[in-house]
Amino acid sequence: MFFNLFKKSGQDQEQKQALEDKPPKPVESAPAVAVKHKPVSLPLEFLSRLIPIGKLPTEALEKLPLHAATFAPGATIFKQGTYNDSLIYLVKGIVYLEAPNGSGQEITTGTLKALCPLTFGAKHQLTAFAKSEVMVIYVGSDQVSGKPKPRANFLADPELAPPVLKTNAFFKLFCRFYQSGNLVIPSLPSVAVKLRTAMQGDIGINEAVKIISLDPAITAKLIQISNGALYQTTVPSTSCLAAVSRLGLSTTRTIVTSISLRHLFSSQQPEVNKRVQNIWKQSLRVSSISQVLAGLTKAATPDQALLAGLVHNIGLLPILKFAETLKPDHFKLTDLDVCLPLIQAQLGSMILSDWGFPESLVNIPLEVEDWFHYESNKLDLTDIVLLAKYHSLLANNSNTELPLLSTLPAYQKLGNNSLSPDMSLQVLQDAKQQIAEAMALFTG
């Protein structure tokens, strides 16, 4: 399957998720059909936690038609390959989901995976068995296609923040700083800014080379990248002019911007710098995987995907820069770690807008926060970064609990192309090599 791309590095996590025993087979006393099926009403508090329907406005959630079904142990809830018109959520019990290759995992009530649908899309990707007495609810897919409620800006209005932030001392400090208007937007290195500004007009390759050559480090890295697996020809580039000529102006601009981002990821405070470097490594993993996926799916150019992956969590930087200005006894590092993933998206979008990036990139930090983001039926840049982020977390044995890959709209859009579950092992191996090369190019 697609996630076998990281099978070696992520095998410990996959082994935890996989069951050693086969699911109990249906027996005569436990038919493979629902024994109860009826309309049901559930508390709004519970529905608001379900992903993605919890994004619906409160009024829509209150009117959402729900149906429930119960299954005896061993019963089949749905079969792989059959048609589906609902989001199915586990409300009670334990479900075993089995893939076509025989691998599988348990979903238990009360876990994050139980807050995500067991299935998503026009066809079931897996087969679901009841491993205990199970109750599920069905939400029609057409019921969740409406406009989601607007994203709350709880930096501007802390009362809109989730409970975990309202009592967070660091969050309170950062909110006051943000509201004071003193937030400093990080700046790109001058060469990247000059090149992006110049290319708003009509410049040629020679003019671009003059700008890039002002920074020897960026020049050297650009030449190195132009000789990489994605761009190399029989004759290697040995000068900035040769590299830009090979890459073209648009790709050169994107790569120069990507190289420049490295200079932003540093801190003088050891504990803060540790987090900054971890974020840079995460950005590298996501951008490298994004670049490979873009090449395989043709949903975006590899250099666009590379840059999108690098900036998907750029909003973390001003938070960490603020933490660097505080005395260590003014906040707890645990409070900082809670805040980082919850408040960075809007800051990231703000930074990219300030840098003059196109809307497709400005929206990346906001959109990749939602595993179930869905704009259209066509695979796009956001989908590429979402899938890259998912597999980066999986491969890195992250403690982040992930939804089922087969339920993600981005995965559903892959269809029958080269990244289908039947993708060849050779292509997977080639992709791993490209990822390793891309990681090496942007390290150091």
Protein backbone atom coordinates (compact mmCIF):
# COMPACT_ATOMS: atom_id res chain seq x y z
CA MET A 1 0.00 0.00 0.00
CA PHE A 2 0.91 3.67 -0.25
CA PHE A 3 2.13 3.82 3.34
CA ASN A 4 4.61 1.01 2.64
CA LEU A 5 6.80 3.86 1.42
CA PHE A 6 7.88 4.16 5.02
CA LYS A 7 7.40 0.58 6.09
CA LYS A 8 10.91 0.15 7.45
CA SER A 9 11.05 3.31 9.54
CA GLY A 10 7.44 3.09 10.64
CA GLN A 11 7.19 -0.64 11.22
CA ASP A 12 7.08 -0.39 15.02
CA GLN A 13 4.02 1.82 14.90
CA GLU A 14 2.37 -0.33 12.25
CA GLN A 15 2.97 -3.44 14.36
CA LYS A 16 1.25 -1.77 17.29
CA GLN A 17 -1.76 -1.05 15.11
CA ALA A 18 -1.95 -4.46 13.45
CA LEU A 19 -3.73 -7.35 15.15
CA GLU A 20 -2.06 -10.73 15.42
CA ASP A 21 -5.34 -12.62 15.27
CA LYS A 22 -7.91 -12.67 12.54
CA PRO A 23 -11.24 -11.05 13.41
CA PRO A 24 -14.00 -13.33 14.66
CA LYS A 25 -15.95 -14.67 11.71
CA PRO A 26 -19.71 -14.23 11.56
CA VAL A 27 -21.62 -17.15 13.00
CA GLU A 28 -25.21 -18.26 12.56
CA SER A 29 -26.30 -16.60 15.79
CA ALA A 30 -24.60 -13.36 14.76
CA PRO A 31 -25.78 -12.47 11.25
CA ALA A 32 -23.61 -10.12 9.19
CA VAL A 33 -26.38 -7.52 9.07
CA ALA A 34 -27.54 -4.82 11.44
CA VAL A 35 -29.92 -6.16 14.10
CA LYS A 36 -31.15 -2.65 14.88
CA HIS A 37 -31.44 0.37 12.62
CA LYS A 38 -33.26 3.50 13.71
CA PRO A 39 -33.08 7.29 13.87
CA VAL A 40 -31.10 8.49 16.86
CA SER A 41 -30.34 11.75 18.66
CA LEU A 42 -26.91 12.36 20.21
CA PRO A 43 -25.62 15.22 22.40
CA LEU A 44 -24.31 18.25 20.54
CA GLU A 45 -21.13 18.10 22.62
CA PHE A 46 -20.38 14.62 21.24
CA LEU A 47 -21.21 15.54 17.63
CA SER A 48 -19.01 18.64 17.77
CA ARG A 49 -16.00 16.40 18.53
CA LEU A 50 -16.51 14.19 15.48
CA ILE A 51 -14.19 14.77 12.54
CA PRO A 52 -15.02 16.34 10.10
CA ILE A 53 -18.71 16.97 10.89
CA GLY A 54 -17.77 18.91 14.03
CA LYS A 55 -16.78 21.77 11.71
CA LEU A 56 -20.40 22.32 10.72
CA PRO A 57 -22.20 25.34 12.22
CA THR A 58 -24.03 24.58 15.46
CA GLU A 59 -27.44 25.01 13.83
CA ALA A 60 -26.57 22.46 11.14
CA LEU A 61 -25.26 19.98 13.73
CA GLU A 62 -28.47 20.24 15.75
CA LYS A 63 -30.55 19.39 12.67
CA LEU A 64 -28.24 16.66 11.37
CA PRO A 65 -30.23 13.47 10.62
CA LEU A 66 -28.56 10.48 12.26
CA HIS A 67 -29.27 6.77 12.07
CA ALA A 68 -27.84 4.10 14.35
CA ALA A 69 -27.24 0.39 13.88
CA THR A 70 -26.03 -2.30 16.26
CA PHE A 71 -23.99 -5.36 15.34
CA ALA A 72 -23.33 -8.59 17.21
CA PRO A 73 -19.74 -9.82 17.71
CA GLY A 74 -18.43 -11.27 14.45
CA ALA A 75 -20.88 -9.44 12.20
CA THR A 76 -19.70 -7.62 9.08
CA ILE A 77 -20.44 -3.90 9.24
CA PHE A 78 -19.34 -3.13 5.68
CA LYS A 79 -17.24 -4.80 2.98
CA GLN A 80 -14.30 -3.47 1.00
CA GLY A 81 -15.24 -2.44 -2.54
CA THR A 82 -18.95 -1.93 -1.88
CA TYR A 83 -20.59 1.43 -2.45
CA ASN A 84 -20.98 3.90 0.38
CA ASP A 85 -23.04 7.07 0.83
CA SER A 86 -22.36 7.80 4.51
CA LEU A 87 -19.77 8.70 7.09
CA ILE A 88 -19.88 5.89 9.64
CA TYR A 89 -18.76 6.58 13.22
CA LEU A 90 -18.15 4.14 16.05
CA VAL A 91 -20.23 5.01 19.13
CA LYS A 92 -19.84 1.84 21.19
CA GLY A 93 -17.59 -1.23 21.16
CA ILE A 94 -14.57 -2.43 19.18
CA VAL A 95 -14.32 -2.67 15.40
CA TYR A 96 -11.66 -4.51 13.41
CA LEU A 97 -10.79 -3.00 10.03
CA GLU A 98 -9.17 -5.34 7.53
CA ALA A 99 -7.31 -4.29 4.37
CA PRO A 100 -7.34 -6.36 1.16
CA ASN A 101 -3.81 -7.63 1.94
CA GLY A 102 -4.99 -9.11 5.25
CA SER A 103 -3.45 -6.50 7.56
CA GLY A 104 -5.71 -4.66 9.95
CA GLN A 105 -6.22 -2.73 13.15
CA GLU A 106 -8.70 -2.26 15.97
CA ILE A 107 -10.74 0.88 16.53
CA THR A 108 -12.00 1.31 20.08
CA THR A 109 -14.57 3.73 21.43
CA GLY A 110 -12.99 6.71 23.19
CA THR A 111 -9.91 7.00 20.95
CA LEU A 112 -9.10 9.65 18.34
CA LYS A 113 -9.68 7.16 15.53
CA ALA A 114 -13.21 6.61 16.86
CA LEU A 115 -13.85 10.34 16.41
CA CYS A 116 -12.95 9.96 12.73
CA PRO A 117 -15.19 8.07 10.29
CA LEU A 118 -14.55 4.35 9.84
CA THR A 119 -15.05 4.90 6.13
CA PHE A 120 -15.12 7.87 3.77
CA GLY A 121 -15.72 8.10 0.05
CA ALA A 122 -17.89 6.51 -2.62
CA LYS A 123 -16.51 3.01 -1.96
CA HIS A 124 -15.42 1.25 1.21
CA GLN A 125 -11.63 0.86 1.19
CA LEU A 126 -11.62 -1.71 4.02
CA THR A 127 -13.84 -4.41 5.52
CA ALA A 128 -15.19 -3.79 9.02
CA PHE A 129 -16.03 -6.52 11.54
CA ALA A 130 -17.64 -6.12 14.96
CA LYS A 131 -15.21 -7.52 17.51
CA SER A 132 -17.63 -6.88 20.36
CA GLU A 133 -21.19 -5.65 20.48
CA VAL A 134 -20.99 -2.52 18.36
CA MET A 135 -23.10 0.55 17.74
CA VAL A 136 -22.37 2.87 14.83
CA ILE A 137 -24.07 5.97 13.47
CA TYR A 138 -24.53 6.93 9.84
CA VAL A 139 -24.29 10.52 8.58
CA GLY A 140 -25.19 11.04 4.93
CA SER A 141 -22.22 12.30 2.91
CA ASP A 142 -24.45 14.96 1.38
CA GLN A 143 -25.10 16.36 4.87
CA VAL A 144 -21.48 17.43 5.40
CA SER A 145 -20.86 19.16 2.09
CA GLY A 146 -22.07 22.54 3.32
CA LYS A 147 -19.90 25.47 4.30
CA PRO A 148 -18.01 24.86 7.57
CA LYS A 149 -18.11 27.35 10.38
CA PRO A 150 -15.45 30.09 10.11
CA ARG A 151 -12.09 29.49 11.77
CA ALA A 152 -11.95 31.20 15.15
CA ASN A 153 -9.10 33.69 15.64
CA PHE A 154 -8.55 33.10 19.33
CA LEU A 155 -5.35 35.14 19.34
CA ALA A 156 -7.51 38.20 18.77
CA ASP A 157 -10.27 36.88 21.06
CA PRO A 158 -8.95 34.41 23.68
CA GLU A 159 -12.53 33.63 24.76
CA LEU A 160 -12.88 31.62 21.55
CA ALA A 161 -9.89 29.44 22.44
CA PRO A 162 -10.31 25.77 23.38
CA PRO A 163 -10.32 25.03 27.13
CA VAL A 164 -6.77 23.65 27.07
CA LEU A 165 -5.49 27.11 26.07
CA LYS A 166 -7.63 29.26 28.33
CA THR A 167 -5.67 28.13 31.39
CA ASN A 168 -2.30 28.11 29.60
CA ALA A 169 0.06 30.76 31.01
CA PHE A 170 2.20 30.97 27.85
CA PHE A 171 -0.89 31.40 25.67
CA LYS A 172 -2.03 34.34 27.81
CA LEU A 173 1.39 35.99 27.49
CA PHE A 174 1.50 35.47 23.74
CA CYS A 175 -2.06 36.77 23.27
CA ARG A 176 -1.20 40.00 25.06
CA PHE A 177 1.92 40.33 22.90
CA TYR A 178 -0.06 39.64 19.71
CA GLN A 179 -2.81 42.11 20.61
CA SER A 180 -0.25 44.81 21.41
CA GLY A 181 0.74 44.87 17.74
CA ASN A 182 4.37 44.02 18.49
CA LEU A 183 4.42 40.68 16.67
CA VAL A 184 7.47 40.54 14.41
CA ILE A 185 6.99 38.81 11.06
CA PRO A 186 10.20 36.96 10.12
CA SER A 187 11.85 38.29 6.97
CA LEU A 188 13.24 36.28 4.09
CA PRO A 189 16.95 36.81 3.30
CA SER A 190 17.52 39.75 0.95
CA VAL A 191 18.49 37.64 -2.07
CA ALA A 192 15.17 35.77 -2.01
CA VAL A 193 13.24 39.03 -1.62
CA LYS A 194 15.18 40.77 -4.42
CA LEU A 195 14.65 37.85 -6.79
CA ARG A 196 10.92 37.57 -6.09
CA THR A 197 10.53 41.35 -6.49
CA ALA A 198 12.54 41.46 -9.72
CA MET A 199 10.55 38.61 -11.22
CA GLN A 200 7.35 40.57 -10.81
CA GLY A 201 8.68 42.42 -13.83
CA ASP A 202 10.25 41.06 -17.00
CA ILE A 203 13.80 39.95 -16.22
CA GLY A 204 16.09 37.56 -18.00
CA ILE A 205 18.33 34.76 -16.79
CA ASN A 206 21.42 36.99 -16.61
CA GLU A 207 19.68 39.48 -14.30
CA ALA A 208 18.50 36.64 -12.06
CA VAL A 209 22.03 35.19 -11.90
CA LYS A 210 23.43 38.57 -10.79
CA ILE A 211 20.96 38.71 -7.88
CA ILE A 212 21.51 35.10 -6.78
CA SER A 213 25.31 35.44 -6.97
CA LEU A 214 25.17 38.06 -4.19
CA ASP A 215 24.84 35.12 -1.77
CA PRO A 216 27.58 32.50 -2.35
CA ALA A 217 25.94 29.96 -0.01
CA ILE A 218 22.62 30.09 -1.87
CA THR A 219 24.46 29.96 -5.19
CA ALA A 220 26.37 26.82 -4.21
CA LYS A 221 23.23 25.08 -2.95
CA LEU A 222 21.30 26.02 -6.11
CA ILE A 223 23.99 24.44 -8.29
CA GLN A 224 23.93 21.33 -6.12
CA ILE A 225 20.14 21.02 -6.42
CA SER A 226 20.23 21.53 -10.20
CA ASN A 227 22.49 18.48 -10.38
CA GLY A 228 20.13 16.38 -8.25
CA ALA A 229 18.02 13.45 -9.40
CA LEU A 230 15.01 15.59 -10.33
CA TYR A 231 16.87 17.91 -12.71
CA GLN A 232 20.16 16.36 -13.73
CA THR A 233 21.23 15.82 -17.33
CA THR A 234 24.33 14.24 -18.81
CA VAL A 235 26.31 17.48 -18.30
CA PRO A 236 26.37 18.74 -14.68
CA SER A 237 25.93 22.43 -13.84
CA THR A 238 29.15 24.07 -12.71
CA SER A 239 27.98 27.69 -12.51
CA CYS A 240 24.99 29.69 -11.34
CA LEU A 241 24.20 30.59 -14.96
CA ALA A 242 24.13 26.92 -15.97
CA ALA A 243 21.94 26.03 -12.98
CA VAL A 244 19.38 28.79 -13.66
CA SER A 245 19.35 27.97 -17.37
CA ARG A 246 18.57 24.34 -16.57
CA LEU A 247 15.93 25.04 -13.93
CA GLY A 248 14.18 28.00 -15.52
CA LEU A 249 13.31 31.26 -13.76
CA SER A 250 10.13 30.12 -12.02
CA THR A 251 11.69 26.97 -10.54
CA THR A 252 14.83 28.93 -9.61
CA ARG A 253 12.76 31.47 -7.67
CA THR A 254 10.98 28.72 -5.75
CA ILE A 255 14.20 26.87 -4.93
CA VAL A 256 16.05 30.05 -3.86
CA THR A 257 13.15 30.84 -1.51
CA SER A 258 13.27 27.29 -0.15
CA ILE A 259 17.02 27.48 0.46
CA SER A 260 16.61 30.86 2.17
CA LEU A 261 14.16 29.52 4.73
CA ARG A 262 16.95 27.59 6.46
CA HIS A 263 18.40 30.84 7.82
CA LEU A 264 15.20 31.54 9.78
CA PHE A 265 15.41 28.39 11.88
CA SER A 266 17.74 29.24 14.75
CA SER A 267 17.55 30.43 18.36
CA GLN A 268 20.04 31.50 21.01
CA GLN A 269 18.12 29.83 23.84
CA PRO A 270 19.03 26.11 24.03
CA GLU A 271 15.57 24.72 24.86
CA VAL A 272 13.89 26.91 22.27
CA ASN A 273 16.56 26.11 19.68
CA LYS A 274 15.98 22.39 20.25
CA ARG A 275 12.36 22.89 19.23
CA VAL A 276 13.31 25.12 16.30
CA GLN A 277 15.65 22.47 14.90
CA ASN A 278 13.04 19.73 15.34
CA ILE A 279 10.57 21.88 13.42
CA TRP A 280 13.09 22.39 10.61
CA LYS A 281 13.66 18.65 10.37
CA GLN A 282 9.92 18.05 10.27
CA SER A 283 9.59 20.68 7.53
CA LEU A 284 12.34 18.94 5.57
CA ARG A 285 10.62 15.56 5.83
CA VAL A 286 7.25 16.94 4.75
CA SER A 287 8.73 18.99 1.91
CA SER A 288 10.84 16.09 0.65
CA ILE A 289 7.88 13.72 0.63
CA SER A 290 5.70 16.43 -0.96
CA GLN A 291 8.25 16.85 -3.74
CA VAL A 292 8.24 13.14 -4.51
CA LEU A 293 4.44 12.85 -4.39
CA ALA A 294 4.07 15.82 -6.73
CA GLY A 295 6.36 14.13 -9.23
CA LEU A 296 4.39 10.89 -9.03
CA THR A 297 0.89 12.38 -9.14
CA LYS A 298 1.52 15.44 -11.38
CA ALA A 299 -0.88 17.36 -9.10
CA ALA A 300 1.74 20.12 -8.67
CA THR A 301 5.28 20.78 -9.80
CA PRO A 302 7.94 19.24 -7.53
CA ASP A 303 9.45 22.64 -6.67
CA GLN A 304 6.03 24.06 -5.72
CA ALA A 305 5.41 21.06 -3.48
CA LEU A 306 8.88 21.39 -1.95
CA LEU A 307 8.23 25.01 -0.95
CA ALA A 308 4.69 24.25 0.27
CA GLY A 309 6.03 21.51 2.52
CA LEU A 310 8.73 23.77 3.92
CA VAL A 311 6.27 26.54 4.87
CA HIS A 312 3.37 24.39 6.11
CA ASN A 313 4.34 25.08 9.74
CA ILE A 314 6.13 28.43 9.32
CA GLY A 315 3.72 29.95 11.87
CA LEU A 316 5.64 28.23 14.66
CA LEU A 317 8.58 30.62 14.21
CA PRO A 318 7.11 33.84 15.71
CA ILE A 319 5.82 31.84 18.68
CA LEU A 320 9.27 30.44 19.36
CA LYS A 321 10.93 33.80 18.76
CA PHE A 322 8.63 35.28 21.40
CA ALA A 323 9.49 32.46 23.81
CA GLU A 324 13.16 33.30 23.25
CA THR A 325 12.58 36.81 24.65
CA LEU A 326 11.11 35.53 27.92
CA LYS A 327 13.04 34.53 30.99
CA PRO A 328 12.95 30.75 31.53
CA ASP A 329 11.00 31.12 34.78
CA HIS A 330 8.24 33.15 33.09
CA PHE A 331 6.67 30.13 31.40
CA LYS A 332 6.71 26.35 31.34
CA LEU A 333 8.07 24.50 28.33
CA THR A 334 5.10 22.14 28.58
CA ASP A 335 2.77 25.14 28.15
CA LEU A 336 4.76 26.21 25.09
CA ASP A 337 4.51 22.71 23.58
CA VAL A 338 0.73 22.71 24.04
CA CYS A 339 0.40 26.08 22.30
CA LEU A 340 2.60 25.44 19.28
CA PRO A 341 0.31 23.18 17.21
CA LEU A 342 -2.88 25.01 18.21
CA ILE A 343 -2.04 28.61 17.30
CA GLN A 344 0.51 28.37 14.50
CA ALA A 345 -1.79 27.99 11.47
CA GLN A 346 -3.20 31.52 11.34
CA LEU A 347 0.23 32.99 12.04
CA GLY A 348 1.68 30.94 9.19
CA SER A 349 -0.94 32.20 6.76
CA MET A 350 -0.28 35.77 7.94
CA ILE A 351 3.48 35.40 7.34
CA LEU A 352 3.10 33.99 3.82
CA SER A 353 0.63 36.74 2.91
CA ASP A 354 3.09 39.36 4.19
CA TRP A 355 5.80 37.78 2.03
CA GLY A 356 3.61 38.19 -1.04
CA PHE A 357 3.20 34.46 -1.69
CA PRO A 358 0.35 33.28 -3.96
CA GLU A 359 -2.97 32.32 -2.34
CA SER A 360 -2.35 28.61 -2.98
CA LEU A 361 0.61 28.81 -0.59
CA VAL A 362 -0.89 31.34 1.84
CA ASN A 363 -3.69 28.88 2.63
CA ILE A 364 -1.41 25.86 3.16
CA PRO A 365 -0.80 26.36 6.93
CA LEU A 366 -4.55 26.63 7.56
CA GLU A 367 -5.68 23.82 5.30
CA VAL A 368 -3.17 21.14 6.30
CA GLU A 369 -4.34 21.39 9.91
CA ASP A 370 -7.50 19.57 8.85
CA TRP A 371 -6.99 15.93 7.86
CA PHE A 372 -10.42 15.99 6.22
CA HIS A 373 -9.90 19.17 4.22
CA TYR A 374 -11.89 19.01 1.01
CA GLU A 375 -12.14 21.70 -1.68
CA SER A 376 -12.78 19.76 -4.88
CA ASN A 377 -12.60 16.30 -6.43
CA LYS A 378 -9.24 17.12 -7.98
CA LEU A 379 -5.98 16.35 -6.17
CA ASP A 380 -4.24 19.65 -5.41
CA LEU A 381 -1.22 21.10 -3.63
CA THR A 382 -2.89 21.02 -0.21
CA ASP A 383 -3.71 17.32 -0.65
CA ILE A 384 -0.08 16.60 -1.53
CA VAL A 385 1.20 18.32 1.63
CA LEU A 386 -1.49 16.66 3.78
CA LEU A 387 -0.46 13.20 2.59
CA ALA A 388 3.21 14.09 3.06
CA LYS A 389 2.55 15.33 6.60
CA TYR A 390 0.62 12.16 7.41
CA HIS A 391 3.43 9.88 6.26
CA SER A 392 6.10 12.01 7.87
CA LEU A 393 4.39 11.55 11.24
CA LEU A 394 3.89 7.84 10.58
CA ALA A 395 7.49 7.26 9.51
CA ASN A 396 8.89 9.25 12.42
CA ASN A 397 7.04 7.11 14.99
CA SER A 398 5.31 10.27 16.18
CA ASN A 399 3.11 10.15 19.27
CA THR A 400 0.45 11.94 17.22
CA GLU A 401 -2.59 9.70 16.85
CA LEU A 402 -3.58 9.63 13.20
CA PRO A 403 -6.91 8.98 11.50
CA LEU A 404 -7.22 6.08 9.08
CA LEU A 405 -5.37 6.83 5.85
CA SER A 406 -8.16 5.34 3.74
CA THR A 407 -10.69 7.83 5.17
CA LEU A 408 -8.76 10.96 4.17
CA PRO A 409 -10.32 12.85 1.23
CA ALA A 410 -6.80 13.49 -0.11
CA TYR A 411 -6.17 9.74 -0.26
CA GLN A 412 -9.56 9.12 -1.85
CA LYS A 413 -8.60 11.45 -4.71
CA LEU A 414 -5.64 9.28 -5.68
CA GLY A 415 -8.01 6.97 -7.56
CA ASN A 416 -6.32 4.57 -9.96
CA ASN A 417 -3.15 6.56 -10.56
CA SER A 418 0.41 5.57 -9.70
CA LEU A 419 -0.17 5.99 -5.96
CA SER A 420 -3.01 3.49 -5.70
CA PRO A 421 -2.73 0.76 -3.04
CA ASP A 422 -1.32 -1.56 -5.73
CA MET A 423 1.64 0.73 -6.46
CA SER A 424 4.71 -1.37 -7.28
CA LEU A 425 7.47 -1.96 -4.74
CA GLN A 426 10.04 -0.65 -7.22
CA VAL A 427 8.34 2.76 -7.43
CA LEU A 428 8.19 2.86 -3.63
CA GLN A 429 11.89 2.10 -3.38
CA ASP A 430 12.72 4.79 -5.94
CA ALA A 431 10.65 7.28 -3.98
CA LYS A 432 12.53 6.47 -0.76
CA GLN A 433 15.82 7.21 -2.51
CA GLN A 434 14.55 10.55 -3.82
CA ILE A 435 13.38 11.51 -0.34
CA ALA A 436 16.80 10.72 1.11
CA GLU A 437 18.47 12.88 -1.56
CA ALA A 438 16.10 15.79 -1.01
CA MET A 439 16.63 15.61 2.75
CA ALA A 440 20.40 15.71 2.27
CA LEU A 441 20.26 18.75 -0.02
CA PHE A 442 18.53 20.94 2.55
CA THR A 443 20.40 19.78 5.65
CA GLY A 444 23.10 22.02 6.99
